[in-house]
Amino acid sequence: MKNASGSSFSIPEIEKFINSFSCISLKAKSSIKSDIRIVIHDQRTGTNPELGFSIKSQLGEASTLLNAGKTTNFIFKIDGANFSNDEIDQINSINGRSKIKDRIEKIIEKTGSFKFIKTESSIFGNNLTLIDSALPQIISCIIYKFFTSKYSKLHDLATDIAASNPIGFDLETKHPFYFYKLKRFLSDVALGMIPSKVWQGELDTTGGYLVVKENGEILCYHIYNRNEFEDYLIKNTKLETGSSTRHDFGKIYNEAQQLYFKLNLQIRFLK
């Protein structure tokens, strides 16, 4: 697999095995988080449950945990600056590899500030609120920090946000508010939550994750070991910038004489 050229190739030995149990597709539907169902012989409980596992491979490109879309846009209000139409066009025309960061920098340079208003998708916003009422605000802070700093790894972003405490939690007793809530979010995304669908809290991936390492070794992160699973997620993921054209974010726009700016959330595993 590692020596193959292109994204599609044939492996006759595997095809014979797959055909033996009438498998016609190796990829699960995007609405389903589990890629394989396995019967587990649990010696501790004496049961044999059939559990769903999501497979993440490190053999090729790093896979995504949360795919970008218009549903994962976060809307910010721009305060403290009045831009003419020409200035708006000038800022929106800034291009290049770091164009979103550069546009934000230019807005701040002209005394503009960003205030989170809501998620573009009410379904995604309500899904976040269902998991934890503070999550929309916390994730908006994480995204904003990503687009205005050198940090991209979620663990680094969470560490920075926890230190600045933008939500104003009582940290006197050193409760890990930010890490706990973000771990819960990542876990629910990994096990079933999709931004475009109403989340009922029911897990689709009931077993956990199977991770195929670069050397072919397979690691299993089981829900039984939830702490270990959540630590793996927050230490092995990063934010990245999706397509601003396709997902319609990263530009100043005007609604009812108020300026707004959308930022997008996409989470990918580290290589």
C-alpha atoms as a PDB file:
ATOM      1  CA  MET A   1       0.000   0.000   0.000  1.00  0.00           C
ATOM      2  CA  LYS A   2       2.795   2.449   0.874  1.00  0.00           C
ATOM      3  CA  ASN A   3       4.607   1.771  -2.406  1.00  0.00           C
ATOM      4  CA  ALA A   4       1.520   2.144  -4.584  1.00  0.00           C
ATOM      5  CA  SER A   5       1.177   5.192  -6.825  1.00  0.00           C
ATOM      6  CA  GLY A   6      -2.119   7.079  -6.903  1.00  0.00           C
ATOM      7  CA  SER A   7      -5.106   6.824  -4.597  1.00  0.00           C
ATOM      8  CA  SER A   8      -6.595   3.714  -6.268  1.00  0.00           C
ATOM      9  CA  PHE A   9      -4.808   0.419  -6.871  1.00  0.00           C
ATOM     10  CA  SER A  10      -5.504  -3.308  -6.916  1.00  0.00           C
ATOM     11  CA  ILE A  11      -4.432  -5.929  -4.353  1.00  0.00           C
ATOM     12  CA  PRO A  12      -5.569  -9.335  -5.736  1.00  0.00           C
ATOM     13  CA  GLU A  13      -4.970 -11.226  -2.468  1.00  0.00           C
ATOM     14  CA  ILE A  14      -7.230  -8.875  -0.528  1.00  0.00           C
ATOM     15  CA  GLU A  15      -9.871  -8.813  -3.282  1.00  0.00           C
ATOM     16  CA  LYS A  16     -10.227 -12.596  -2.985  1.00  0.00           C
ATOM     17  CA  PHE A  17     -10.741 -12.297   0.780  1.00  0.00           C
ATOM     18  CA  ILE A  18     -13.259  -9.440   0.419  1.00  0.00           C
ATOM     19  CA  ASN A  19     -15.246 -11.277  -2.232  1.00  0.00           C
ATOM     20  CA  SER A  20     -15.513 -14.306   0.080  1.00  0.00           C
ATOM     21  CA  PHE A  21     -17.960 -12.410   2.326  1.00  0.00           C
ATOM     22  CA  SER A  22     -19.621 -10.299  -0.398  1.00  0.00           C
ATOM     23  CA  CYS A  23     -18.184  -6.932   0.627  1.00  0.00           C
ATOM     24  CA  ILE A  24     -18.874  -4.392  -2.130  1.00  0.00           C
ATOM     25  CA  SER A  25     -17.470  -1.256  -0.465  1.00  0.00           C
ATOM     26  CA  LEU A  26     -14.517  -0.626   1.858  1.00  0.00           C
ATOM     27  CA  LYS A  27     -15.703   2.838   2.851  1.00  0.00           C
ATOM     28  CA  ALA A  28     -18.545   3.480   5.269  1.00  0.00           C
ATOM     29  CA  LYS A  29     -21.133   6.148   4.498  1.00  0.00           C
ATOM     30  CA  SER A  30     -20.165   9.633   5.673  1.00  0.00           C
ATOM     31  CA  SER A  31     -23.155   9.585   8.035  1.00  0.00           C
ATOM     32  CA  ILE A  32     -21.802   6.460   9.771  1.00  0.00           C
ATOM     33  CA  LYS A  33     -18.781   6.725  12.071  1.00  0.00           C
ATOM     34  CA  SER A  34     -18.058   2.999  12.459  1.00  0.00           C
ATOM     35  CA  ASP A  35     -16.095   1.339   9.626  1.00  0.00           C
ATOM     36  CA  ILE A  36     -16.185  -2.226  10.923  1.00  0.00           C
ATOM     37  CA  ARG A  37     -18.273  -4.253  13.365  1.00  0.00           C
ATOM     38  CA  ILE A  38     -16.498  -6.825  15.508  1.00  0.00           C
ATOM     39  CA  VAL A  39     -17.814  -9.436  17.949  1.00  0.00           C
ATOM     40  CA  ILE A  40     -15.871  -9.030  21.199  1.00  0.00           C
ATOM     41  CA  HIS A  41     -15.490 -12.011  23.537  1.00  0.00           C
ATOM     42  CA  ASP A  42     -15.422 -10.178  26.852  1.00  0.00           C
ATOM     43  CA  GLN A  43     -13.982 -12.402  29.574  1.00  0.00           C
ATOM     44  CA  ARG A  44     -14.722  -9.824  32.279  1.00  0.00           C
ATOM     45  CA  THR A  45     -18.479  -9.800  31.716  1.00  0.00           C
ATOM     46  CA  GLY A  46     -18.944 -13.143  29.962  1.00  0.00           C
ATOM     47  CA  THR A  47     -20.759 -11.431  27.063  1.00  0.00           C
ATOM     48  CA  ASN A  48     -20.087 -11.361  23.322  1.00  0.00           C
ATOM     49  CA  PRO A  49     -21.256  -7.918  22.130  1.00  0.00           C
ATOM     50  CA  GLU A  50     -20.991  -6.786  18.512  1.00  0.00           C
ATOM     51  CA  LEU A  51     -19.326  -3.372  18.587  1.00  0.00           C
ATOM     52  CA  GLY A  52     -18.625  -0.755  15.928  1.00  0.00           C
ATOM     53  CA  PHE A  53     -15.066   0.551  15.477  1.00  0.00           C
ATOM     54  CA  SER A  54     -13.800   3.480  13.420  1.00  0.00           C
ATOM     55  CA  ILE A  55     -10.550   2.805  11.526  1.00  0.00           C
ATOM     56  CA  LYS A  56      -7.927   5.541  11.235  1.00  0.00           C
ATOM     57  CA  SER A  57      -4.913   4.752   9.047  1.00  0.00           C
ATOM     58  CA  GLN A  58      -1.540   6.490   9.201  1.00  0.00           C
ATOM     59  CA  LEU A  59      -0.310   4.675   6.077  1.00  0.00           C
ATOM     60  CA  GLY A  60      -1.380   7.490   3.754  1.00  0.00           C
ATOM     61  CA  GLU A  61      -2.475  11.072   4.345  1.00  0.00           C
ATOM     62  CA  ALA A  62      -3.592  11.963   7.860  1.00  0.00           C
ATOM     63  CA  SER A  63      -7.346  11.457   8.184  1.00  0.00           C
ATOM     64  CA  THR A  64      -9.840  14.002   9.449  1.00  0.00           C
ATOM     65  CA  LEU A  65     -11.735  13.780  12.708  1.00  0.00           C
ATOM     66  CA  LEU A  66     -14.164  16.595  11.830  1.00  0.00           C
ATOM     67  CA  ASN A  67     -14.664  17.555   8.184  1.00  0.00           C
ATOM     68  CA  ALA A  68     -15.070  21.202   7.229  1.00  0.00           C
ATOM     69  CA  GLY A  69     -18.305  22.465   5.724  1.00  0.00           C
ATOM     70  CA  LYS A  70     -20.599  25.458   5.882  1.00  0.00           C
ATOM     71  CA  THR A  71     -22.092  23.676   8.881  1.00  0.00           C
ATOM     72  CA  THR A  72     -18.823  24.161  10.807  1.00  0.00           C
ATOM     73  CA  ASN A  73     -18.616  27.940  10.297  1.00  0.00           C
ATOM     74  CA  PHE A  74     -18.508  30.228  13.351  1.00  0.00           C
ATOM     75  CA  ILE A  75     -19.830  33.787  12.916  1.00  0.00           C
ATOM     76  CA  PHE A  76     -18.018  36.716  14.544  1.00  0.00           C
ATOM     77  CA  LYS A  77     -19.164  40.343  14.739  1.00  0.00           C
ATOM     78  CA  ILE A  78     -16.530  42.997  13.945  1.00  0.00           C
ATOM     79  CA  ASP A  79     -16.624  45.789  16.518  1.00  0.00           C
ATOM     80  CA  GLY A  80     -14.628  48.997  16.945  1.00  0.00           C
ATOM     81  CA  ALA A  81     -13.946  49.798  13.295  1.00  0.00           C
ATOM     82  CA  ASN A  82     -15.880  51.395  10.450  1.00  0.00           C
ATOM     83  CA  PHE A  83     -14.705  50.267   7.035  1.00  0.00           C
ATOM     84  CA  SER A  84     -15.667  51.850   3.733  1.00  0.00           C
ATOM     85  CA  ASN A  85     -16.690  49.541   0.896  1.00  0.00           C
ATOM     86  CA  ASP A  86     -13.284  50.103  -0.696  1.00  0.00           C
ATOM     87  CA  GLU A  87     -11.504  49.073   2.521  1.00  0.00           C
ATOM     88  CA  ILE A  88     -13.675  45.964   2.800  1.00  0.00           C
ATOM     89  CA  ASP A  89     -12.857  45.025  -0.808  1.00  0.00           C
ATOM     90  CA  GLN A  90      -9.168  45.669  -0.142  1.00  0.00           C
ATOM     91  CA  ILE A  91      -9.109  43.385   2.902  1.00  0.00           C
ATOM     92  CA  ASN A  92     -11.182  40.674   1.192  1.00  0.00           C
ATOM     93  CA  SER A  93      -8.808  40.706  -1.773  1.00  0.00           C
ATOM     94  CA  ILE A  94      -5.765  39.827   0.367  1.00  0.00           C
ATOM     95  CA  ASN A  95      -4.483  36.537  -1.026  1.00  0.00           C
ATOM     96  CA  GLY A  96      -1.788  33.974  -0.392  1.00  0.00           C
ATOM     97  CA  ARG A  97      -1.180  30.891   1.721  1.00  0.00           C
ATOM     98  CA  SER A  98      -2.095  32.649   5.002  1.00  0.00           C
ATOM     99  CA  LYS A  99      -4.774  34.949   3.587  1.00  0.00           C
ATOM    100  CA  ILE A 100      -7.314  34.374   6.398  1.00  0.00           C
ATOM    101  CA  LYS A 101      -4.740  35.207   9.078  1.00  0.00           C
ATOM    102  CA  ASP A 102      -3.562  38.208   7.066  1.00  0.00           C
ATOM    103  CA  ARG A 103      -7.115  39.535   6.661  1.00  0.00           C
ATOM    104  CA  ILE A 104      -7.769  39.200  10.401  1.00  0.00           C
ATOM    105  CA  GLU A 105      -4.463  40.933  11.125  1.00  0.00           C
ATOM    106  CA  LYS A 106      -5.433  43.832   8.863  1.00  0.00           C
ATOM    107  CA  ILE A 107      -8.833  44.180  10.584  1.00  0.00           C
ATOM    108  CA  ILE A 108      -7.171  44.265  14.021  1.00  0.00           C
ATOM    109  CA  GLU A 109      -4.584  46.731  12.727  1.00  0.00           C
ATOM    110  CA  LYS A 110      -7.477  49.050  11.840  1.00  0.00           C
ATOM    111  CA  THR A 111      -8.811  48.803  15.455  1.00  0.00           C
ATOM    112  CA  GLY A 112     -11.347  46.074  14.682  1.00  0.00           C
ATOM    113  CA  SER A 113     -12.128  43.387  17.257  1.00  0.00           C
ATOM    114  CA  PHE A 114     -13.918  40.060  16.943  1.00  0.00           C
ATOM    115  CA  LYS A 115     -16.860  38.916  19.064  1.00  0.00           C
ATOM    116  CA  PHE A 116     -18.350  35.450  18.630  1.00  0.00           C
ATOM    117  CA  ILE A 117     -22.081  35.550  17.837  1.00  0.00           C
ATOM    118  CA  LYS A 118     -23.188  32.040  16.863  1.00  0.00           C
ATOM    119  CA  THR A 119     -22.498  29.023  14.674  1.00  0.00           C
ATOM    120  CA  GLU A 120     -23.804  29.313  11.122  1.00  0.00           C
ATOM    121  CA  SER A 121     -25.644  26.008  11.551  1.00  0.00           C
ATOM    122  CA  SER A 122     -28.180  25.997  14.373  1.00  0.00           C
ATOM    123  CA  ILE A 123     -28.029  22.182  14.373  1.00  0.00           C
ATOM    124  CA  PHE A 124     -24.272  22.172  15.001  1.00  0.00           C
ATOM    125  CA  GLY A 125     -24.625  24.921  17.598  1.00  0.00           C
ATOM    126  CA  ASN A 126     -27.312  22.969  19.439  1.00  0.00           C
ATOM    127  CA  ASN A 127     -25.252  19.768  19.194  1.00  0.00           C
ATOM    128  CA  LEU A 128     -22.390  21.571  20.916  1.00  0.00           C
ATOM    129  CA  THR A 129     -24.706  23.015  23.561  1.00  0.00           C
ATOM    130  CA  LEU A 130     -26.147  19.534  24.189  1.00  0.00           C
ATOM    131  CA  ILE A 131     -22.652  18.222  24.927  1.00  0.00           C
ATOM    132  CA  ASP A 132     -21.818  21.269  27.082  1.00  0.00           C
ATOM    133  CA  SER A 133     -23.476  24.694  27.213  1.00  0.00           C
ATOM    134  CA  ALA A 134     -20.074  26.455  27.170  1.00  0.00           C
ATOM    135  CA  LEU A 135     -18.756  24.566  24.128  1.00  0.00           C
ATOM    136  CA  PRO A 136     -19.818  26.993  21.350  1.00  0.00           C
ATOM    137  CA  GLN A 137     -17.961  29.822  23.102  1.00  0.00           C
ATOM    138  CA  ILE A 138     -14.929  27.673  23.969  1.00  0.00           C
ATOM    139  CA  ILE A 139     -14.528  26.325  20.434  1.00  0.00           C
ATOM    140  CA  SER A 140     -14.957  29.828  18.990  1.00  0.00           C
ATOM    141  CA  CYS A 141     -11.994  30.888  21.178  1.00  0.00           C
ATOM    142  CA  ILE A 142      -9.978  27.879  19.991  1.00  0.00           C
ATOM    143  CA  ILE A 143     -10.681  28.695  16.323  1.00  0.00           C
ATOM    144  CA  TYR A 144      -9.874  32.378  16.766  1.00  0.00           C
ATOM    145  CA  LYS A 145      -6.601  31.508  18.520  1.00  0.00           C
ATOM    146  CA  PHE A 146      -5.722  29.130  15.665  1.00  0.00           C
ATOM    147  CA  PHE A 147      -6.199  31.877  13.067  1.00  0.00           C
ATOM    148  CA  THR A 148      -4.284  34.507  15.077  1.00  0.00           C
ATOM    149  CA  SER A 149      -1.329  32.540  16.464  1.00  0.00           C
ATOM    150  CA  LYS A 150       1.351  29.984  15.584  1.00  0.00           C
ATOM    151  CA  TYR A 151      -0.581  27.166  17.288  1.00  0.00           C
ATOM    152  CA  SER A 152      -2.392  24.441  15.366  1.00  0.00           C
ATOM    153  CA  LYS A 153      -2.204  21.356  17.616  1.00  0.00           C
ATOM    154  CA  LEU A 154      -5.344  21.076  19.725  1.00  0.00           C
ATOM    155  CA  HIS A 155      -3.387  20.313  22.875  1.00  0.00           C
ATOM    156  CA  ASP A 156      -1.361  23.535  22.453  1.00  0.00           C
ATOM    157  CA  LEU A 157      -4.463  25.576  21.665  1.00  0.00           C
ATOM    158  CA  ALA A 158      -6.290  24.144  24.698  1.00  0.00           C
ATOM    159  CA  THR A 159      -3.294  24.879  26.940  1.00  0.00           C
ATOM    160  CA  ASP A 160      -3.188  28.496  25.771  1.00  0.00           C
ATOM    161  CA  ILE A 161      -6.938  29.003  26.155  1.00  0.00           C
ATOM    162  CA  ALA A 162      -6.938  27.379  29.604  1.00  0.00           C
ATOM    163  CA  ALA A 163      -4.215  29.822  30.707  1.00  0.00           C
ATOM    164  CA  SER A 164      -6.030  32.930  29.423  1.00  0.00           C
ATOM    165  CA  ASN A 165      -9.454  31.661  30.665  1.00  0.00           C
ATOM    166  CA  PRO A 166     -11.622  33.696  28.218  1.00  0.00           C
ATOM    167  CA  ILE A 167     -14.871  32.219  29.592  1.00  0.00           C
ATOM    168  CA  GLY A 168     -14.026  33.375  33.123  1.00  0.00           C
ATOM    169  CA  PHE A 169     -14.304  30.046  34.949  1.00  0.00           C
ATOM    170  CA  ASP A 170     -13.397  29.953  38.642  1.00  0.00           C
ATOM    171  CA  LEU A 171      -9.884  28.472  38.468  1.00  0.00           C
ATOM    172  CA  GLU A 172      -9.143  28.810  42.187  1.00  0.00           C
ATOM    173  CA  THR A 173      -9.599  25.070  42.698  1.00  0.00           C
ATOM    174  CA  LYS A 174      -7.730  24.257  39.445  1.00  0.00           C
ATOM    175  CA  HIS A 175     -10.568  22.387  37.780  1.00  0.00           C
ATOM    176  CA  PRO A 176      -9.531  21.478  34.174  1.00  0.00           C
ATOM    177  CA  PHE A 177     -12.631  23.080  32.626  1.00  0.00           C
ATOM    178  CA  TYR A 178     -11.289  23.597  29.109  1.00  0.00           C
ATOM    179  CA  PHE A 179      -9.551  20.247  28.687  1.00  0.00           C
ATOM    180  CA  TYR A 180     -12.464  18.295  30.129  1.00  0.00           C
ATOM    181  CA  LYS A 181     -15.043  19.949  27.867  1.00  0.00           C
ATOM    182  CA  LEU A 182     -12.871  19.717  24.741  1.00  0.00           C
ATOM    183  CA  LYS A 183     -12.116  16.047  25.395  1.00  0.00           C
ATOM    184  CA  ARG A 184     -15.838  15.350  25.692  1.00  0.00           C
ATOM    185  CA  PHE A 185     -16.436  17.184  22.407  1.00  0.00           C
ATOM    186  CA  LEU A 186     -13.684  15.266  20.572  1.00  0.00           C
ATOM    187  CA  SER A 187     -14.925  11.974  21.965  1.00  0.00           C
ATOM    188  CA  ASP A 188     -18.506  12.609  20.825  1.00  0.00           C
ATOM    189  CA  VAL A 189     -17.290  13.662  17.368  1.00  0.00           C
ATOM    190  CA  ALA A 190     -15.188  10.496  17.148  1.00  0.00           C
ATOM    191  CA  LEU A 191     -18.015   8.230  18.240  1.00  0.00           C
ATOM    192  CA  GLY A 192     -21.021   9.592  16.391  1.00  0.00           C
ATOM    193  CA  MET A 193     -21.719  13.341  16.403  1.00  0.00           C
ATOM    194  CA  ILE A 194     -22.004  14.885  12.908  1.00  0.00           C
ATOM    195  CA  PRO A 195     -22.396  18.697  12.550  1.00  0.00           C
ATOM    196  CA  SER A 196     -25.218  18.461  10.002  1.00  0.00           C
ATOM    197  CA  LYS A 197     -27.418  16.035  11.984  1.00  0.00           C
ATOM    198  CA  VAL A 198     -29.262  16.465  15.258  1.00  0.00           C
ATOM    199  CA  TRP A 199     -27.154  14.718  17.911  1.00  0.00           C
ATOM    200  CA  GLN A 200     -29.173  12.578  20.320  1.00  0.00           C
ATOM    201  CA  GLY A 201     -26.131  11.466  22.306  1.00  0.00           C
ATOM    202  CA  GLU A 202     -26.335   7.931  20.900  1.00  0.00           C
ATOM    203  CA  LEU A 203     -22.960   6.458  19.944  1.00  0.00           C
ATOM    204  CA  ASP A 204     -22.518   4.930  16.493  1.00  0.00           C
ATOM    205  CA  THR A 205     -18.960   3.779  17.142  1.00  0.00           C
ATOM    206  CA  THR A 206     -19.707   1.721  20.243  1.00  0.00           C
ATOM    207  CA  GLY A 207     -16.308   0.020  20.471  1.00  0.00           C
ATOM    208  CA  GLY A 208     -13.716   2.698  19.879  1.00  0.00           C
ATOM    209  CA  TYR A 209     -10.903   3.362  17.400  1.00  0.00           C
ATOM    210  CA  LEU A 210      -8.555   1.080  15.505  1.00  0.00           C
ATOM    211  CA  VAL A 211      -5.419   3.015  14.516  1.00  0.00           C
ATOM    212  CA  VAL A 212      -3.176   1.559  11.800  1.00  0.00           C
ATOM    213  CA  LYS A 213       0.329   2.934  12.401  1.00  0.00           C
ATOM    214  CA  GLU A 214       2.843   3.660   9.629  1.00  0.00           C
ATOM    215  CA  ASN A 215       4.629   0.357  10.293  1.00  0.00           C
ATOM    216  CA  GLY A 216       1.355  -1.606   9.969  1.00  0.00           C
ATOM    217  CA  GLU A 217       0.930  -2.146  13.715  1.00  0.00           C
ATOM    218  CA  ILE A 218      -2.680  -1.848  14.882  1.00  0.00           C
ATOM    219  CA  LEU A 219      -3.591  -0.030  18.091  1.00  0.00           C
ATOM    220  CA  CYS A 220      -7.026  -0.308  19.684  1.00  0.00           C
ATOM    221  CA  TYR A 221      -8.437   2.515  21.791  1.00  0.00           C
ATOM    222  CA  HIS A 222     -11.465   0.965  23.476  1.00  0.00           C
ATOM    223  CA  ILE A 223     -14.291   2.949  25.047  1.00  0.00           C
ATOM    224  CA  TYR A 224     -13.693   0.837  28.164  1.00  0.00           C
ATOM    225  CA  ASN A 225     -10.526   2.935  28.578  1.00  0.00           C
ATOM    226  CA  ARG A 226     -12.257   6.263  27.978  1.00  0.00           C
ATOM    227  CA  ASN A 227      -9.577   8.379  29.677  1.00  0.00           C
ATOM    228  CA  GLU A 228      -6.853   6.901  27.466  1.00  0.00           C
ATOM    229  CA  PHE A 229      -9.064   7.326  24.374  1.00  0.00           C
ATOM    230  CA  GLU A 230      -9.784  10.997  25.112  1.00  0.00           C
ATOM    231  CA  ASP A 231      -6.109  11.705  25.861  1.00  0.00           C
ATOM    232  CA  TYR A 232      -5.209  10.160  22.496  1.00  0.00           C
ATOM    233  CA  LEU A 233      -7.706  12.404  20.694  1.00  0.00           C
ATOM    234  CA  ILE A 234      -6.597  15.709  22.207  1.00  0.00           C
ATOM    235  CA  LYS A 235      -2.864  14.900  21.868  1.00  0.00           C
ATOM    236  CA  ASN A 236      -3.075  13.656  18.277  1.00  0.00           C
ATOM    237  CA  THR A 237      -5.272  16.208  16.506  1.00  0.00           C
ATOM    238  CA  LYS A 238      -4.822  19.660  15.033  1.00  0.00           C
ATOM    239  CA  LEU A 239      -6.884  22.414  13.449  1.00  0.00           C
ATOM    240  CA  GLU A 240      -6.378  23.223   9.799  1.00  0.00           C
ATOM    241  CA  THR A 241      -7.796  25.634   7.239  1.00  0.00           C
ATOM    242  CA  GLY A 242     -10.333  24.169   4.827  1.00  0.00           C
ATOM    243  CA  SER A 243     -11.325  25.702   1.492  1.00  0.00           C
ATOM    244  CA  SER A 244     -12.596  29.232   2.191  1.00  0.00           C
ATOM    245  CA  THR A 245     -14.213  29.357  -1.273  1.00  0.00           C
ATOM    246  CA  ARG A 246     -16.090  26.075  -0.926  1.00  0.00           C
ATOM    247  CA  HIS A 247     -17.155  26.657   2.677  1.00  0.00           C
ATOM    248  CA  ASP A 248     -17.791  30.406   2.348  1.00  0.00           C
ATOM    249  CA  PHE A 249     -15.737  31.908   5.184  1.00  0.00           C
ATOM    250  CA  GLY A 250     -12.835  34.298   5.744  1.00  0.00           C
ATOM    251  CA  LYS A 251     -14.338  37.479   4.258  1.00  0.00           C
ATOM    252  CA  ILE A 252     -15.919  40.593   5.739  1.00  0.00           C
ATOM    253  CA  TYR A 253     -19.616  40.849   4.911  1.00  0.00           C
ATOM    254  CA  ASN A 254     -22.318  43.355   5.803  1.00  0.00           C
ATOM    255  CA  GLU A 255     -25.757  42.580   7.216  1.00  0.00           C
ATOM    256  CA  ALA A 256     -28.077  45.356   8.395  1.00  0.00           C
ATOM    257  CA  GLN A 257     -25.191  47.844   8.732  1.00  0.00           C
ATOM    258  CA  GLN A 258     -23.167  45.427  10.874  1.00  0.00           C
ATOM    259  CA  LEU A 259     -19.915  43.790   9.718  1.00  0.00           C
ATOM    260  CA  TYR A 260     -19.340  40.067  10.235  1.00  0.00           C
ATOM    261  CA  PHE A 261     -16.569  37.541   9.587  1.00  0.00           C
ATOM    262  CA  LYS A 262     -16.840  33.731   9.490  1.00  0.00           C
ATOM    263  CA  LEU A 263     -14.161  31.304  10.651  1.00  0.00           C
ATOM    264  CA  ASN A 264     -14.282  27.577   9.952  1.00  0.00           C
ATOM    265  CA  LEU A 265     -13.551  24.494  12.049  1.00  0.00           C
ATOM    266  CA  GLN A 266     -11.773  21.461  10.613  1.00  0.00           C
ATOM    267  CA  ILE A 267      -9.921  18.913  12.756  1.00  0.00           C
ATOM    268  CA  ARG A 268      -7.339  16.480  11.388  1.00  0.00           C
ATOM    269  CA  PHE A 269      -5.205  13.785  13.008  1.00  0.00           C
ATOM    270  CA  LEU A 270      -1.463  14.336  13.286  1.00  0.00           C
ATOM    271  CA  LYS A 271       0.838  12.232  11.141  1.00  0.00           C
END
